[in-house]
Amino acid sequence: MFDTIVFDLGRVLISWDPEGYMERVFGEEVSEFLQRNVFQSREWDLMDKGDIEEEKLWGMMVQRYPEYERYILHMKQRIRELLKPIDENVQLLPFLKQRGYRLFVLSNFGKNGFDHVSKEYNFFEYFDGIVISSHVNQIKPDEEIFKILIQRYNLRPERSIFIDDKFENVKTAIRLGFTVIHLTDHRRLREQLIRVLGQRFD
C-alpha cells in the first residue's frame, strides 16, 4: 500500500527544544518571553521561509528587545547546539530503506541551520529527496511547499505517509491525500510506524 515516507526534521528526527533549554539556563519568565517573541515570531517564520537572513533576524530582535540583549545573543551563539539527532528515530531510517521505502524530508528550516545539520550528521544519505522551506521560499502548513515535494519527486500522496509534530502541517497533508502520523511525542515514532505500516523493525 505505502511506498513513500516523508519526514519533518524538528522534533521528529532532530531535537528542538529552545524553550526547555532557556528555562533551565535563564528561568521561566525569560524563557517564556523569548519563546513567544523570538522563536514563535513572524520574523522567525520569515527566516524559515528564506525571506530574512538569520544574522538580520538576531539583530532585529536585539534592537526590538534591548533589555533582553544578553539572552538573545546567548541563544544566537548556542542555537546550533540544540540541533542534535534523535538517535532512536534516526536509527529507523536504514531499516525503512532496506525494506524498499522511498524516504524524503519536508521541513521548515532556516538556511544556516539546515546547512549545519546536513553537514554535521550523515543520516541525510538515506533520503531520496529533501525540500527545505528556506531553499524554496515556501513554508508549511501552506499547500505550495507540499506540492513542490510531490511534483519534484513524483510522489503519490495516497501511497505516502507524512510525519510531523505540528497539527496544522498534518491537516494540510491530509487535505492533499497523505496518510499521516501526528507525532506529539518523538519517543513514539517506532510504535506509530509499526501501527501504520503493519511491520516491525527488529
C-alpha atoms as a PDB file:
ATOM      1  CA  MET A   1       0.000   0.000   0.000  1.00  0.00           C
ATOM      2  CA  PHE A   2       2.672   2.517   1.043  1.00  0.00           C
ATOM      3  CA  ASP A   3       5.946   3.041  -0.805  1.00  0.00           C
ATOM      4  CA  THR A   4       6.982   6.503   0.478  1.00  0.00           C
ATOM      5  CA  ILE A   5       7.589   8.095   3.891  1.00  0.00           C
ATOM      6  CA  VAL A   6       8.025  11.871   4.317  1.00  0.00           C
ATOM      7  CA  PHE A   7       9.669  13.145   7.498  1.00  0.00           C
ATOM      8  CA  ASP A   8       9.667  16.508   9.180  1.00  0.00           C
ATOM      9  CA  LEU A   9      13.007  17.193  10.921  1.00  0.00           C
ATOM     10  CA  GLY A  10      12.449  19.195  14.121  1.00  0.00           C
ATOM     11  CA  ARG A  11      11.089  17.068  16.990  1.00  0.00           C
ATOM     12  CA  VAL A  12      10.878  14.074  14.636  1.00  0.00           C
ATOM     13  CA  LEU A  13      14.476  13.301  13.623  1.00  0.00           C
ATOM     14  CA  ILE A  14      16.278  16.261  15.224  1.00  0.00           C
ATOM     15  CA  SER A  15      15.735  17.512  18.758  1.00  0.00           C
ATOM     16  CA  TRP A  16      14.487  21.084  19.010  1.00  0.00           C
ATOM     17  CA  ASP A  17      13.534  22.448  22.423  1.00  0.00           C
ATOM     18  CA  PRO A  18      14.831  26.013  22.845  1.00  0.00           C
ATOM     19  CA  GLU A  19      12.161  26.701  25.440  1.00  0.00           C
ATOM     20  CA  GLY A  20      13.339  23.874  27.686  1.00  0.00           C
ATOM     21  CA  TYR A  21      16.963  24.966  27.343  1.00  0.00           C
ATOM     22  CA  MET A  22      16.150  28.608  28.097  1.00  0.00           C
ATOM     23  CA  GLU A  23      14.057  27.670  31.116  1.00  0.00           C
ATOM     24  CA  ARG A  24      16.989  25.708  32.564  1.00  0.00           C
ATOM     25  CA  VAL A  25      19.538  28.463  31.847  1.00  0.00           C
ATOM     26  CA  PHE A  26      17.545  31.707  32.183  1.00  0.00           C
ATOM     27  CA  GLY A  27      14.492  30.759  34.232  1.00  0.00           C
ATOM     28  CA  GLU A  28      10.827  30.518  33.328  1.00  0.00           C
ATOM     29  CA  GLU A  29       9.998  34.198  32.842  1.00  0.00           C
ATOM     30  CA  VAL A  30      12.799  34.926  30.347  1.00  0.00           C
ATOM     31  CA  SER A  31      12.188  31.617  28.595  1.00  0.00           C
ATOM     32  CA  GLU A  32       8.506  32.335  28.047  1.00  0.00           C
ATOM     33  CA  PHE A  33       9.238  35.833  26.763  1.00  0.00           C
ATOM     34  CA  LEU A  34      11.867  34.733  24.241  1.00  0.00           C
ATOM     35  CA  GLN A  35       9.862  31.729  23.120  1.00  0.00           C
ATOM     36  CA  ARG A  36       6.819  33.899  22.423  1.00  0.00           C
ATOM     37  CA  ASN A  37       8.582  36.934  20.950  1.00  0.00           C
ATOM     38  CA  VAL A  38      11.571  35.390  19.161  1.00  0.00           C
ATOM     39  CA  PHE A  39      11.086  31.700  18.389  1.00  0.00           C
ATOM     40  CA  GLN A  40       7.375  31.983  17.644  1.00  0.00           C
ATOM     41  CA  SER A  41       7.632  35.356  15.933  1.00  0.00           C
ATOM     42  CA  ARG A  42       6.595  36.210  12.389  1.00  0.00           C
ATOM     43  CA  GLU A  43      10.234  37.040  11.685  1.00  0.00           C
ATOM     44  CA  TRP A  44      11.321  33.526  12.667  1.00  0.00           C
ATOM     45  CA  ASP A  45       8.854  32.128  10.144  1.00  0.00           C
ATOM     46  CA  LEU A  46      10.225  34.536   7.540  1.00  0.00           C
ATOM     47  CA  MET A  47      13.728  33.235   8.257  1.00  0.00           C
ATOM     48  CA  ASP A  48      12.497  29.663   7.829  1.00  0.00           C
ATOM     49  CA  LYS A  49      10.921  30.770   4.558  1.00  0.00           C
ATOM     50  CA  GLY A  50      14.202  32.257   3.377  1.00  0.00           C
ATOM     51  CA  ASP A  51      12.914  35.833   3.316  1.00  0.00           C
ATOM     52  CA  ILE A  52      15.149  37.076   6.172  1.00  0.00           C
ATOM     53  CA  GLU A  53      18.792  36.135   6.797  1.00  0.00           C
ATOM     54  CA  GLU A  54      19.459  34.685  10.232  1.00  0.00           C
ATOM     55  CA  GLU A  55      22.019  37.376  11.100  1.00  0.00           C
ATOM     56  CA  LYS A  56      19.443  40.052  10.341  1.00  0.00           C
ATOM     57  CA  LEU A  57      16.832  38.317  12.495  1.00  0.00           C
ATOM     58  CA  TRP A  58      19.054  38.289  15.585  1.00  0.00           C
ATOM     59  CA  GLY A  59      19.928  41.944  15.012  1.00  0.00           C
ATOM     60  CA  MET A  60      16.250  42.856  14.745  1.00  0.00           C
ATOM     61  CA  MET A  61      15.485  41.044  17.999  1.00  0.00           C
ATOM     62  CA  VAL A  62      18.296  42.779  19.898  1.00  0.00           C
ATOM     63  CA  GLN A  63      17.115  46.148  18.587  1.00  0.00           C
ATOM     64  CA  ARG A  64      13.492  45.398  19.456  1.00  0.00           C
ATOM     65  CA  TYR A  65      14.154  43.986  22.937  1.00  0.00           C
ATOM     66  CA  PRO A  66      17.375  45.647  24.182  1.00  0.00           C
ATOM     67  CA  GLU A  67      16.640  44.671  27.782  1.00  0.00           C
ATOM     68  CA  TYR A  68      16.950  41.009  26.692  1.00  0.00           C
ATOM     69  CA  GLU A  69      20.099  41.531  24.610  1.00  0.00           C
ATOM     70  CA  ARG A  70      22.368  39.217  26.588  1.00  0.00           C
ATOM     71  CA  TYR A  71      19.816  36.401  26.473  1.00  0.00           C
ATOM     72  CA  ILE A  72      19.207  36.843  22.748  1.00  0.00           C
ATOM     73  CA  LEU A  73      22.922  36.879  21.960  1.00  0.00           C
ATOM     74  CA  HIS A  74      23.425  33.812  24.141  1.00  0.00           C
ATOM     75  CA  MET A  75      20.810  31.927  22.109  1.00  0.00           C
ATOM     76  CA  LYS A  76      22.349  33.143  18.854  1.00  0.00           C
ATOM     77  CA  GLN A  77      25.633  31.533  19.908  1.00  0.00           C
ATOM     78  CA  ARG A  78      24.135  28.326  21.300  1.00  0.00           C
ATOM     79  CA  ILE A  79      21.353  27.621  18.808  1.00  0.00           C
ATOM     80  CA  ARG A  80      23.332  25.005  16.823  1.00  0.00           C
ATOM     81  CA  GLU A  81      23.994  23.006  19.987  1.00  0.00           C
ATOM     82  CA  LEU A  82      20.267  22.384  20.357  1.00  0.00           C
ATOM     83  CA  LEU A  83      20.059  20.656  16.966  1.00  0.00           C
ATOM     84  CA  LYS A  84      21.013  17.052  17.726  1.00  0.00           C
ATOM     85  CA  PRO A  85      19.776  13.836  16.097  1.00  0.00           C
ATOM     86  CA  ILE A  86      17.100  11.883  17.947  1.00  0.00           C
ATOM     87  CA  ASP A  87      19.104   8.670  17.774  1.00  0.00           C
ATOM     88  CA  GLU A  88      16.323   6.141  18.243  1.00  0.00           C
ATOM     89  CA  ASN A  89      14.375   7.709  15.356  1.00  0.00           C
ATOM     90  CA  VAL A  90      17.328   8.219  13.025  1.00  0.00           C
ATOM     91  CA  GLN A  91      18.179   4.543  13.503  1.00  0.00           C
ATOM     92  CA  LEU A  92      14.872   3.604  11.855  1.00  0.00           C
ATOM     93  CA  LEU A  93      15.970   5.100   8.515  1.00  0.00           C
ATOM     94  CA  PRO A  94      18.264   2.276   7.334  1.00  0.00           C
ATOM     95  CA  PHE A  95      15.635  -0.319   8.260  1.00  0.00           C
ATOM     96  CA  LEU A  96      12.998   1.529   6.246  1.00  0.00           C
ATOM     97  CA  LYS A  97      15.421   1.935   3.354  1.00  0.00           C
ATOM     98  CA  GLN A  98      16.250  -1.774   3.361  1.00  0.00           C
ATOM     99  CA  ARG A  99      12.547  -2.558   3.133  1.00  0.00           C
ATOM    100  CA  GLY A 100      12.302  -0.549  -0.065  1.00  0.00           C
ATOM    101  CA  TYR A 101      10.594   2.626   1.089  1.00  0.00           C
ATOM    102  CA  ARG A 102      11.416   5.925  -0.596  1.00  0.00           C
ATOM    103  CA  LEU A 103      12.356   8.419   2.111  1.00  0.00           C
ATOM    104  CA  PHE A 104      12.006  12.198   1.919  1.00  0.00           C
ATOM    105  CA  VAL A 105      12.356  15.289   4.104  1.00  0.00           C
ATOM    106  CA  LEU A 106       9.851  18.157   4.093  1.00  0.00           C
ATOM    107  CA  SER A 107      10.854  20.652   6.761  1.00  0.00           C
ATOM    108  CA  ASN A 108      10.687  24.294   7.798  1.00  0.00           C
ATOM    109  CA  PHE A 109      14.319  25.201   8.420  1.00  0.00           C
ATOM    110  CA  GLY A 110      16.462  28.323   8.097  1.00  0.00           C
ATOM    111  CA  LYS A 111      19.349  28.169   5.616  1.00  0.00           C
ATOM    112  CA  ASN A 112      22.125  28.373   8.198  1.00  0.00           C
ATOM    113  CA  GLY A 113      20.542  25.826  10.497  1.00  0.00           C
ATOM    114  CA  PHE A 114      19.987  23.299   7.744  1.00  0.00           C
ATOM    115  CA  ASP A 115      23.455  23.867   6.358  1.00  0.00           C
ATOM    116  CA  HIS A 116      24.813  22.976   9.799  1.00  0.00           C
ATOM    117  CA  VAL A 117      22.823  19.773  10.376  1.00  0.00           C
ATOM    118  CA  SER A 118      23.197  18.479   6.811  1.00  0.00           C
ATOM    119  CA  LYS A 119      26.998  18.766   7.057  1.00  0.00           C
ATOM    120  CA  GLU A 120      27.233  17.587  10.660  1.00  0.00           C
ATOM    121  CA  TYR A 121      25.103  14.436  10.505  1.00  0.00           C
ATOM    122  CA  ASN A 122      25.332  11.636   7.958  1.00  0.00           C
ATOM    123  CA  PHE A 123      21.797  10.266   8.210  1.00  0.00           C
ATOM    124  CA  PHE A 124      20.727  12.524   5.337  1.00  0.00           C
ATOM    125  CA  GLU A 125      22.307   9.992   2.978  1.00  0.00           C
ATOM    126  CA  TYR A 126      19.261   7.759   3.428  1.00  0.00           C
ATOM    127  CA  PHE A 127      16.894  10.257   1.787  1.00  0.00           C
ATOM    128  CA  ASP A 128      15.815  10.159  -1.839  1.00  0.00           C
ATOM    129  CA  GLY A 129      14.958  13.853  -1.782  1.00  0.00           C
ATOM    130  CA  ILE A 130      14.797  16.865   0.511  1.00  0.00           C
ATOM    131  CA  VAL A 131      12.647  20.006   0.375  1.00  0.00           C
ATOM    132  CA  ILE A 132      13.605  22.723   2.878  1.00  0.00           C
ATOM    133  CA  SER A 133      11.421  25.808   3.312  1.00  0.00           C
ATOM    134  CA  SER A 134      14.226  28.385   3.116  1.00  0.00           C
ATOM    135  CA  HIS A 135      15.515  26.804  -0.115  1.00  0.00           C
ATOM    136  CA  VAL A 136      12.181  27.071  -1.949  1.00  0.00           C
ATOM    137  CA  ASN A 137      10.758  30.217  -0.268  1.00  0.00           C
ATOM    138  CA  GLN A 138       7.641  28.357   0.817  1.00  0.00           C
ATOM    139  CA  ILE A 139       6.656  27.171   4.281  1.00  0.00           C
ATOM    140  CA  LYS A 140       4.416  24.616   5.947  1.00  0.00           C
ATOM    141  CA  PRO A 141       1.497  24.499   6.511  1.00  0.00           C
ATOM    142  CA  ASP A 142       0.932  26.145   3.102  1.00  0.00           C
ATOM    143  CA  GLU A 143      -0.004  23.666   0.397  1.00  0.00           C
ATOM    144  CA  GLU A 144       2.554  25.055  -2.051  1.00  0.00           C
ATOM    145  CA  ILE A 145       5.568  23.501  -0.334  1.00  0.00           C
ATOM    146  CA  PHE A 146       3.848  20.107  -0.289  1.00  0.00           C
ATOM    147  CA  LYS A 147       3.119  20.453  -3.992  1.00  0.00           C
ATOM    148  CA  ILE A 148       6.790  21.226  -4.671  1.00  0.00           C
ATOM    149  CA  LEU A 149       7.723  17.950  -2.972  1.00  0.00           C
ATOM    150  CA  ILE A 150       5.029  15.994  -4.824  1.00  0.00           C
ATOM    151  CA  GLN A 151       5.914  17.357  -8.251  1.00  0.00           C
ATOM    152  CA  ARG A 152       9.694  17.339  -7.858  1.00  0.00           C
ATOM    153  CA  TYR A 153       9.848  13.686  -6.812  1.00  0.00           C
ATOM    154  CA  ASN A 154       6.687  12.298  -8.438  1.00  0.00           C
ATOM    155  CA  LEU A 155       5.109  11.372  -5.112  1.00  0.00           C
ATOM    156  CA  ARG A 156       1.713   9.772  -4.925  1.00  0.00           C
ATOM    157  CA  PRO A 157       0.155  11.060  -1.691  1.00  0.00           C
ATOM    158  CA  GLU A 158      -2.227   8.097  -1.475  1.00  0.00           C
ATOM    159  CA  ARG A 159       0.831   5.815  -1.228  1.00  0.00           C
ATOM    160  CA  SER A 160       2.747   8.113   1.135  1.00  0.00           C
ATOM    161  CA  ILE A 161       3.000   8.622   4.898  1.00  0.00           C
ATOM    162  CA  PHE A 162       3.705  12.118   6.215  1.00  0.00           C
ATOM    163  CA  ILE A 163       5.166  12.535   9.728  1.00  0.00           C
ATOM    164  CA  ASP A 164       5.134  15.889  11.553  1.00  0.00           C
ATOM    165  CA  ASP A 165       4.864  17.204  15.109  1.00  0.00           C
ATOM    166  CA  LYS A 166       2.569  20.135  14.232  1.00  0.00           C
ATOM    167  CA  PHE A 167      -1.152  19.613  13.773  1.00  0.00           C
ATOM    168  CA  GLU A 168      -1.556  22.406  11.217  1.00  0.00           C
ATOM    169  CA  ASN A 169       1.011  20.712   8.953  1.00  0.00           C
ATOM    170  CA  VAL A 170      -0.681  17.348   9.341  1.00  0.00           C
ATOM    171  CA  LYS A 171      -4.040  18.907   8.386  1.00  0.00           C
ATOM    172  CA  THR A 172      -2.600  20.147   5.094  1.00  0.00           C
ATOM    173  CA  ALA A 173      -1.120  16.721   4.359  1.00  0.00           C
ATOM    174  CA  ILE A 174      -4.479  15.046   4.987  1.00  0.00           C
ATOM    175  CA  ARG A 175      -6.161  17.503   2.656  1.00  0.00           C
ATOM    176  CA  LEU A 176      -3.674  16.539  -0.070  1.00  0.00           C
ATOM    177  CA  GLY A 177      -4.278  12.821   0.378  1.00  0.00           C
ATOM    178  CA  PHE A 178      -1.409  11.685   2.612  1.00  0.00           C
ATOM    179  CA  THR A 179      -1.767   9.185   5.431  1.00  0.00           C
ATOM    180  CA  VAL A 180      -0.317  10.968   8.445  1.00  0.00           C
ATOM    181  CA  ILE A 181       1.409  10.400  11.756  1.00  0.00           C
ATOM    182  CA  HIS A 182       0.945  13.375  14.075  1.00  0.00           C
ATOM    183  CA  LEU A 183       3.985  12.814  16.280  1.00  0.00           C
ATOM    184  CA  THR A 184       3.299  14.651  19.532  1.00  0.00           C
ATOM    185  CA  ASP A 185       5.951  12.594  21.363  1.00  0.00           C
ATOM    186  CA  HIS A 186       9.135  11.781  19.434  1.00  0.00           C
ATOM    187  CA  ARG A 187       9.602   8.636  21.547  1.00  0.00           C
ATOM    188  CA  ARG A 188       6.586   7.068  19.853  1.00  0.00           C
ATOM    189  CA  LEU A 189       7.804   7.152  16.238  1.00  0.00           C
ATOM    190  CA  ARG A 190       8.734   3.455  16.062  1.00  0.00           C
ATOM    191  CA  GLU A 191       5.433   2.453  17.637  1.00  0.00           C
ATOM    192  CA  GLN A 192       3.434   4.673  15.270  1.00  0.00           C
ATOM    193  CA  LEU A 193       5.253   3.409  12.176  1.00  0.00           C
ATOM    194  CA  ILE A 194       4.655  -0.201  13.235  1.00  0.00           C
ATOM    195  CA  ARG A 195       0.967   0.611  13.606  1.00  0.00           C
ATOM    196  CA  VAL A 196       0.629   2.290  10.197  1.00  0.00           C
ATOM    197  CA  LEU A 197       2.932   0.022   8.178  1.00  0.00           C
ATOM    198  CA  GLY A 198       1.922  -3.196   9.903  1.00  0.00           C
ATOM    199  CA  GLN A 199       5.514  -4.426  10.239  1.00  0.00           C
ATOM    200  CA  ARG A 200       8.208  -4.419  12.873  1.00  0.00           C
ATOM    201  CA  PHE A 201      11.808  -3.222  12.656  1.00  0.00           C
ATOM    202  CA  ASP A 202      13.625  -5.971  14.584  1.00  0.00           C
END
